Amino acid sequence: MLEGCNTLHAKLKAPLGPYNESTRSNIPVQSAEAEVVRRAKILVWDEACMHAALLVRAVDLSLQDLR
């Protein structure tokens, strides 16, 4: 679990905008944050539907990059 009730932007280094088709989160692949995300069994994104579709896509692509 990502502790501390952090925001998407703080914990996953999601950009604040503007977004486009190639936008990605700013988590370095070899970082400690990336390792925490890789070890996570589940990520709960409360109110994901409230975010721009391109941000959701950016997070999805970033998570795929971190696999």
PDB file of N, CA and C in Angstrom:
ATOM      1  N   MET A   1       0.840  -1.180   0.000  1.00  0.00           N
ATOM      2  CA  MET A   1       0.000   0.000   0.000  1.00  0.00           C
ATOM      3  C   MET A   1       0.888   1.248   0.000  1.00  0.00           C
ATOM      4  N   LEU A   2       0.525   2.211  -0.791  1.00  0.00           N
ATOM      5  CA  LEU A   2       1.237   3.480  -0.791  1.00  0.00           C
ATOM      6  C   LEU A   2       0.731   4.276   0.395  1.00  0.00           C
ATOM      7  N   GLU A   3       1.540   4.364   1.401  1.00  0.00           N
ATOM      8  CA  GLU A   3       1.105   4.941   2.668  1.00  0.00           C
ATOM      9  C   GLU A   3       1.111   6.467   2.646  1.00  0.00           C
ATOM     10  N   GLY A   4       0.352   7.032   3.564  1.00  0.00           N
ATOM     11  CA  GLY A   4       0.379   8.468   3.755  1.00  0.00           C
ATOM     12  C   GLY A   4      -0.703   9.226   3.012  1.00  0.00           C
ATOM     13  N   CYS A   5      -1.638   8.515   2.390  1.00  0.00           N
ATOM     14  CA  CYS A   5      -2.737   9.173   1.679  1.00  0.00           C
ATOM     15  C   CYS A   5      -2.227  10.220   0.697  1.00  0.00           C
ATOM     16  N   ASN A   6      -1.263   9.854  -0.091  1.00  0.00           N
ATOM     17  CA  ASN A   6      -0.689  10.780  -1.060  1.00  0.00           C
ATOM     18  C   ASN A   6      -1.566  10.915  -2.292  1.00  0.00           C
ATOM     19  N   THR A   7      -1.401  12.011  -2.994  1.00  0.00           N
ATOM     20  CA  THR A   7      -2.153  12.226  -4.219  1.00  0.00           C
ATOM     21  C   THR A   7      -1.475  11.506  -5.382  1.00  0.00           C
ATOM     22  N   LEU A   8      -2.231  11.333  -6.426  1.00  0.00           N
ATOM     23  CA  LEU A   8      -1.707  10.731  -7.656  1.00  0.00           C
ATOM     24  C   LEU A   8      -0.494  11.505  -8.161  1.00  0.00           C
ATOM     25  N   HIS A   9      -0.607  12.816  -8.124  1.00  0.00           N
ATOM     26  CA  HIS A   9       0.471  13.652  -8.645  1.00  0.00           C
ATOM     27  C   HIS A   9       1.733  13.543  -7.791  1.00  0.00           C
ATOM     28  N   ALA A  10       1.561  13.399  -6.489  1.00  0.00           N
ATOM     29  CA  ALA A  10       2.719  13.309  -5.601  1.00  0.00           C
ATOM     30  C   ALA A  10       3.374  11.934  -5.653  1.00  0.00           C
ATOM     31  N   LYS A  11       2.582  10.884  -5.592  1.00  0.00           N
ATOM     32  CA  LYS A  11       3.151   9.549  -5.467  1.00  0.00           C
ATOM     33  C   LYS A  11       3.550   8.954  -6.811  1.00  0.00           C
ATOM     34  N   LEU A  12       2.744   9.143  -7.839  1.00  0.00           N
ATOM     35  CA  LEU A  12       3.057   8.574  -9.153  1.00  0.00           C
ATOM     36  C   LEU A  12       3.709   9.582 -10.082  1.00  0.00           C
ATOM     37  N   LYS A  13       4.012  10.751  -9.546  1.00  0.00           N
ATOM     38  CA  LYS A  13       4.684  11.804 -10.332  1.00  0.00           C
ATOM     39  C   LYS A  13       3.911  12.141 -11.611  1.00  0.00           C
ATOM     40  N   ALA A  14       2.596  12.134 -11.501  1.00  0.00           N
ATOM     41  CA  ALA A  14       1.764  12.465 -12.652  1.00  0.00           C
ATOM     42  C   ALA A  14       1.872  13.958 -12.941  1.00  0.00           C
ATOM     43  N   PRO A  15       1.966  14.316 -14.203  1.00  0.00           N
ATOM     44  CA  PRO A  15       2.068  15.736 -14.543  1.00  0.00           C
ATOM     45  C   PRO A  15       0.756  16.462 -14.246  1.00  0.00           C
ATOM     46  N   LEU A  16       0.867  17.742 -13.988  1.00  0.00           N
ATOM     47  CA  LEU A  16      -0.323  18.542 -13.701  1.00  0.00           C
ATOM     48  C   LEU A  16      -1.023  18.984 -14.981  1.00  0.00           C
ATOM     49  N   GLY A  17      -0.376  18.881 -16.097  1.00  0.00           N
ATOM     50  CA  GLY A  17      -0.972  19.238 -17.377  1.00  0.00           C
ATOM     51  C   GLY A  17      -0.084  20.222 -18.090  1.00  0.00           C
ATOM     52  N   PRO A  18      -0.355  20.545 -19.302  1.00  0.00           N
ATOM     53  CA  PRO A  18      -1.370  19.937 -20.159  1.00  0.00           C
ATOM     54  C   PRO A  18      -0.956  18.525 -20.578  1.00  0.00           C
ATOM     55  N   TYR A  19      -1.926  17.745 -21.016  1.00  0.00           N
ATOM     56  CA  TYR A  19      -1.696  16.362 -21.385  1.00  0.00           C
ATOM     57  C   TYR A  19      -1.845  16.194 -22.893  1.00  0.00           C
ATOM     58  N   ASN A  20      -1.121  15.210 -23.430  1.00  0.00           N
ATOM     59  CA  ASN A  20      -1.300  14.824 -24.823  1.00  0.00           C
ATOM     60  C   ASN A  20      -1.122  13.313 -24.928  1.00  0.00           C
ATOM     61  N   GLU A  21      -1.156  12.775 -26.128  1.00  0.00           N
ATOM     62  CA  GLU A  21      -1.103  11.328 -26.332  1.00  0.00           C
ATOM     63  C   GLU A  21       0.201  10.691 -25.854  1.00  0.00           C
ATOM     64  N   SER A  22       1.264  11.457 -25.724  1.00  0.00           N
ATOM     65  CA  SER A  22       2.552  10.885 -25.321  1.00  0.00           C
ATOM     66  C   SER A  22       2.919  11.222 -23.872  1.00  0.00           C
ATOM     67  N   THR A  23       2.003  11.835 -23.137  1.00  0.00           N
ATOM     68  CA  THR A  23       2.268  12.199 -21.745  1.00  0.00           C
ATOM     69  C   THR A  23       2.479  10.950 -20.908  1.00  0.00           C
ATOM     70  N   ARG A  24       3.478  10.998 -20.039  1.00  0.00           N
ATOM     71  CA  ARG A  24       3.768   9.911 -19.106  1.00  0.00           C
ATOM     72  C   ARG A  24       4.024  10.522 -17.729  1.00  0.00           C
ATOM     73  N   SER A  25       3.937   9.670 -16.705  1.00  0.00           N
ATOM     74  CA  SER A  25       4.335  10.085 -15.365  1.00  0.00           C
ATOM     75  C   SER A  25       5.841  10.229 -15.327  1.00  0.00           C
ATOM     76  N   ASN A  26       6.328  10.933 -14.337  1.00  0.00           N
ATOM     77  CA  ASN A  26       7.761  11.215 -14.249  1.00  0.00           C
ATOM     78  C   ASN A  26       8.467  10.342 -13.221  1.00  0.00           C
ATOM     79  N   ILE A  27       8.159   9.047 -13.209  1.00  0.00           N
ATOM     80  CA  ILE A  27       8.816   8.121 -12.288  1.00  0.00           C
ATOM     81  C   ILE A  27       9.986   7.474 -13.028  1.00  0.00           C
ATOM     82  N   PRO A  28      11.211   7.697 -12.573  1.00  0.00           N
ATOM     83  CA  PRO A  28      12.347   7.008 -13.199  1.00  0.00           C
ATOM     84  C   PRO A  28      12.226   5.501 -12.995  1.00  0.00           C
ATOM     85  N   VAL A  29      12.471   4.730 -14.031  1.00  0.00           N
ATOM     86  CA  VAL A  29      12.292   3.273 -14.001  1.00  0.00           C
ATOM     87  C   VAL A  29      13.126   2.615 -12.906  1.00  0.00           C
ATOM     88  N   GLN A  30      14.296   3.124 -12.626  1.00  0.00           N
ATOM     89  CA  GLN A  30      15.177   2.521 -11.625  1.00  0.00           C
ATOM     90  C   GLN A  30      15.053   3.142 -10.239  1.00  0.00           C
ATOM     91  N   SER A  31      14.000   3.903  -9.984  1.00  0.00           N
ATOM     92  CA  SER A  31      13.853   4.600  -8.707  1.00  0.00           C
ATOM     93  C   SER A  31      13.182   3.731  -7.651  1.00  0.00           C
ATOM     94  N   ALA A  32      13.291   4.177  -6.406  1.00  0.00           N
ATOM     95  CA  ALA A  32      12.625   3.497  -5.295  1.00  0.00           C
ATOM     96  C   ALA A  32      11.110   3.561  -5.456  1.00  0.00           C
ATOM     97  N   GLU A  33      10.602   4.681  -5.954  1.00  0.00           N
ATOM     98  CA  GLU A  33       9.160   4.812  -6.178  1.00  0.00           C
ATOM     99  C   GLU A  33       8.672   3.783  -7.190  1.00  0.00           C
ATOM    100  N   ALA A  34       9.450   3.574  -8.246  1.00  0.00           N
ATOM    101  CA  ALA A  34       9.083   2.586  -9.261  1.00  0.00           C
ATOM    102  C   ALA A  34       9.040   1.187  -8.656  1.00  0.00           C
ATOM    103  N   GLU A  35       9.968   0.882  -7.785  1.00  0.00           N
ATOM    104  CA  GLU A  35       9.995  -0.428  -7.139  1.00  0.00           C
ATOM    105  C   GLU A  35       8.777  -0.625  -6.245  1.00  0.00           C
ATOM    106  N   VAL A  36       8.372   0.410  -5.528  1.00  0.00           N
ATOM    107  CA  VAL A  36       7.166   0.326  -4.695  1.00  0.00           C
ATOM    108  C   VAL A  36       5.948   0.047  -5.562  1.00  0.00           C
ATOM    109  N   VAL A  37       5.838   0.740  -6.678  1.00  0.00           N
ATOM    110  CA  VAL A  37       4.709   0.536  -7.588  1.00  0.00           C
ATOM    111  C   VAL A  37       4.747  -0.881  -8.155  1.00  0.00           C
ATOM    112  N   ARG A  38       5.914  -1.360  -8.553  1.00  0.00           N
ATOM    113  CA  ARG A  38       6.029  -2.720  -9.094  1.00  0.00           C
ATOM    114  C   ARG A  38       5.622  -3.775  -8.075  1.00  0.00           C
ATOM    115  N   ARG A  39       5.928  -3.548  -6.805  1.00  0.00           N
ATOM    116  CA  ARG A  39       5.603  -4.524  -5.760  1.00  0.00           C
ATOM    117  C   ARG A  39       4.140  -4.473  -5.331  1.00  0.00           C
ATOM    118  N   ALA A  40       3.444  -3.399  -5.665  1.00  0.00           N
ATOM    119  CA  ALA A  40       2.046  -3.243  -5.246  1.00  0.00           C
ATOM    120  C   ALA A  40       1.168  -4.310  -5.889  1.00  0.00           C
ATOM    121  N   LYS A  41       0.271  -4.859  -5.112  1.00  0.00           N
ATOM    122  CA  LYS A  41      -0.688  -5.848  -5.618  1.00  0.00           C
ATOM    123  C   LYS A  41      -1.907  -5.158  -6.235  1.00  0.00           C
ATOM    124  N   ILE A  42      -2.220  -3.975  -5.707  1.00  0.00           N
ATOM    125  CA  ILE A  42      -3.371  -3.228  -6.202  1.00  0.00           C
ATOM    126  C   ILE A  42      -3.107  -1.733  -5.992  1.00  0.00           C
ATOM    127  N   LEU A  43      -3.570  -0.938  -6.933  1.00  0.00           N
ATOM    128  CA  LEU A  43      -3.532   0.522  -6.809  1.00  0.00           C
ATOM    129  C   LEU A  43      -4.974   1.006  -6.838  1.00  0.00           C
ATOM    130  N   VAL A  44      -5.368   1.757  -5.836  1.00  0.00           N
ATOM    131  CA  VAL A  44      -6.717   2.307  -5.786  1.00  0.00           C
ATOM    132  C   VAL A  44      -6.626   3.781  -6.116  1.00  0.00           C
ATOM    133  N   TRP A  45      -7.302   4.159  -7.177  1.00  0.00           N
ATOM    134  CA  TRP A  45      -7.292   5.542  -7.632  1.00  0.00           C
ATOM    135  C   TRP A  45      -8.691   6.097  -7.410  1.00  0.00           C
ATOM    136  N   ASP A  46      -8.894   6.688  -6.261  1.00  0.00           N
ATOM    137  CA  ASP A  46     -10.190   7.247  -5.921  1.00  0.00           C
ATOM    138  C   ASP A  46     -10.501   8.421  -6.852  1.00  0.00           C
ATOM    139  N   GLU A  47     -11.689   8.429  -7.380  1.00  0.00           N
ATOM    140  CA  GLU A  47     -12.173   9.495  -8.254  1.00  0.00           C
ATOM    141  C   GLU A  47     -11.393   9.597  -9.572  1.00  0.00           C
ATOM    142  N   ALA A  48     -10.953   8.471 -10.090  1.00  0.00           N
ATOM    143  CA  ALA A  48     -10.242   8.471 -11.376  1.00  0.00           C
ATOM    144  C   ALA A  48     -11.102   9.059 -12.490  1.00  0.00           C
ATOM    145  N   CYS A  49     -12.397   8.834 -12.410  1.00  0.00           N
ATOM    146  CA  CYS A  49     -13.289   9.338 -13.466  1.00  0.00           C
ATOM    147  C   CYS A  49     -13.372  10.862 -13.479  1.00  0.00           C
ATOM    148  N   MET A  50     -12.856  11.510 -12.447  1.00  0.00           N
ATOM    149  CA  MET A  50     -12.882  12.964 -12.384  1.00  0.00           C
ATOM    150  C   MET A  50     -11.694  13.596 -13.118  1.00  0.00           C
ATOM    151  N   HIS A  51     -10.740  12.777 -13.529  1.00  0.00           N
ATOM    152  CA  HIS A  51      -9.537  13.277 -14.188  1.00  0.00           C
ATOM    153  C   HIS A  51      -9.688  13.219 -15.706  1.00  0.00           C
ATOM    154  N   ALA A  52      -8.885  13.981 -16.389  1.00  0.00           N
ATOM    155  CA  ALA A  52      -8.902  14.002 -17.847  1.00  0.00           C
ATOM    156  C   ALA A  52      -8.528  12.626 -18.388  1.00  0.00           C
ATOM    157  N   ALA A  53      -9.173  12.232 -19.473  1.00  0.00           N
ATOM    158  CA  ALA A  53      -8.906  10.926 -20.089  1.00  0.00           C
ATOM    159  C   ALA A  53      -7.439  10.779 -20.469  1.00  0.00           C
ATOM    160  N   LEU A  54      -6.809  11.859 -20.912  1.00  0.00           N
ATOM    161  CA  LEU A  54      -5.398  11.774 -21.283  1.00  0.00           C
ATOM    162  C   LEU A  54      -4.500  11.558 -20.067  1.00  0.00           C
ATOM    163  N   LEU A  55      -4.922  12.013 -18.891  1.00  0.00           N
ATOM    164  CA  LEU A  55      -4.153  11.734 -17.683  1.00  0.00           C
ATOM    165  C   LEU A  55      -4.285  10.258 -17.304  1.00  0.00           C
ATOM    166  N   VAL A  56      -5.483   9.716 -17.418  1.00  0.00           N
ATOM    167  CA  VAL A  56      -5.686   8.291 -17.143  1.00  0.00           C
ATOM    168  C   VAL A  56      -4.827   7.465 -18.094  1.00  0.00           C
ATOM    169  N   ARG A  57      -4.801   7.852 -19.357  1.00  0.00           N
ATOM    170  CA  ARG A  57      -3.962   7.164 -20.342  1.00  0.00           C
ATOM    171  C   ARG A  57      -2.483   7.290 -19.968  1.00  0.00           C
ATOM    172  N   ALA A  58      -2.059   8.462 -19.552  1.00  0.00           N
ATOM    173  CA  ALA A  58      -0.659   8.683 -19.182  1.00  0.00           C
ATOM    174  C   ALA A  58      -0.248   7.784 -18.019  1.00  0.00           C
ATOM    175  N   VAL A  59      -1.101   7.661 -17.025  1.00  0.00           N
ATOM    176  CA  VAL A  59      -0.800   6.796 -15.880  1.00  0.00           C
ATOM    177  C   VAL A  59      -0.762   5.342 -16.331  1.00  0.00           C
ATOM    178  N   ASP A  60      -1.703   4.941 -17.173  1.00  0.00           N
ATOM    179  CA  ASP A  60      -1.722   3.565 -17.680  1.00  0.00           C
ATOM    180  C   ASP A  60      -0.436   3.251 -18.441  1.00  0.00           C
ATOM    181  N   LEU A  61      -0.034   4.126 -19.334  1.00  0.00           N
ATOM    182  CA  LEU A  61       1.203   3.911 -20.109  1.00  0.00           C
ATOM    183  C   LEU A  61       2.430   3.894 -19.195  1.00  0.00           C
ATOM    184  N   SER A  62       2.423   4.753 -18.192  1.00  0.00           N
ATOM    185  CA  SER A  62       3.544   4.791 -17.253  1.00  0.00           C
ATOM    186  C   SER A  62       3.651   3.509 -16.450  1.00  0.00           C
ATOM    187  N   LEU A  63       2.509   2.994 -16.006  1.00  0.00           N
ATOM    188  CA  LEU A  63       2.519   1.730 -15.262  1.00  0.00           C
ATOM    189  C   LEU A  63       3.003   0.587 -16.146  1.00  0.00           C
ATOM    190  N   GLN A  64       2.624   0.600 -17.410  1.00  0.00           N
ATOM    191  CA  GLN A  64       3.112  -0.417 -18.341  1.00  0.00           C
ATOM    192  C   GLN A  64       4.630  -0.301 -18.508  1.00  0.00           C
ATOM    193  N   ASP A  65       5.124   0.918 -18.574  1.00  0.00           N
ATOM    194  CA  ASP A  65       6.576   1.135 -18.706  1.00  0.00           C
ATOM    195  C   ASP A  65       7.338   0.598 -17.495  1.00  0.00           C
ATOM    196  N   LEU A  66       6.717   0.637 -16.327  1.00  0.00           N
ATOM    197  CA  LEU A  66       7.379   0.235 -15.099  1.00  0.00           C
ATOM    198  C   LEU A  66       7.377  -1.284 -14.876  1.00  0.00           C
ATOM    199  N   ARG A  67       6.604  -2.020 -15.652  1.00  0.00           N
ATOM    200  CA  ARG A  67       6.537  -3.474 -15.470  1.00  0.00           C
ATOM    201  C   ARG A  67       7.852  -4.120 -15.584  1.00  0.00           C
TER     202      ARG A  67
END
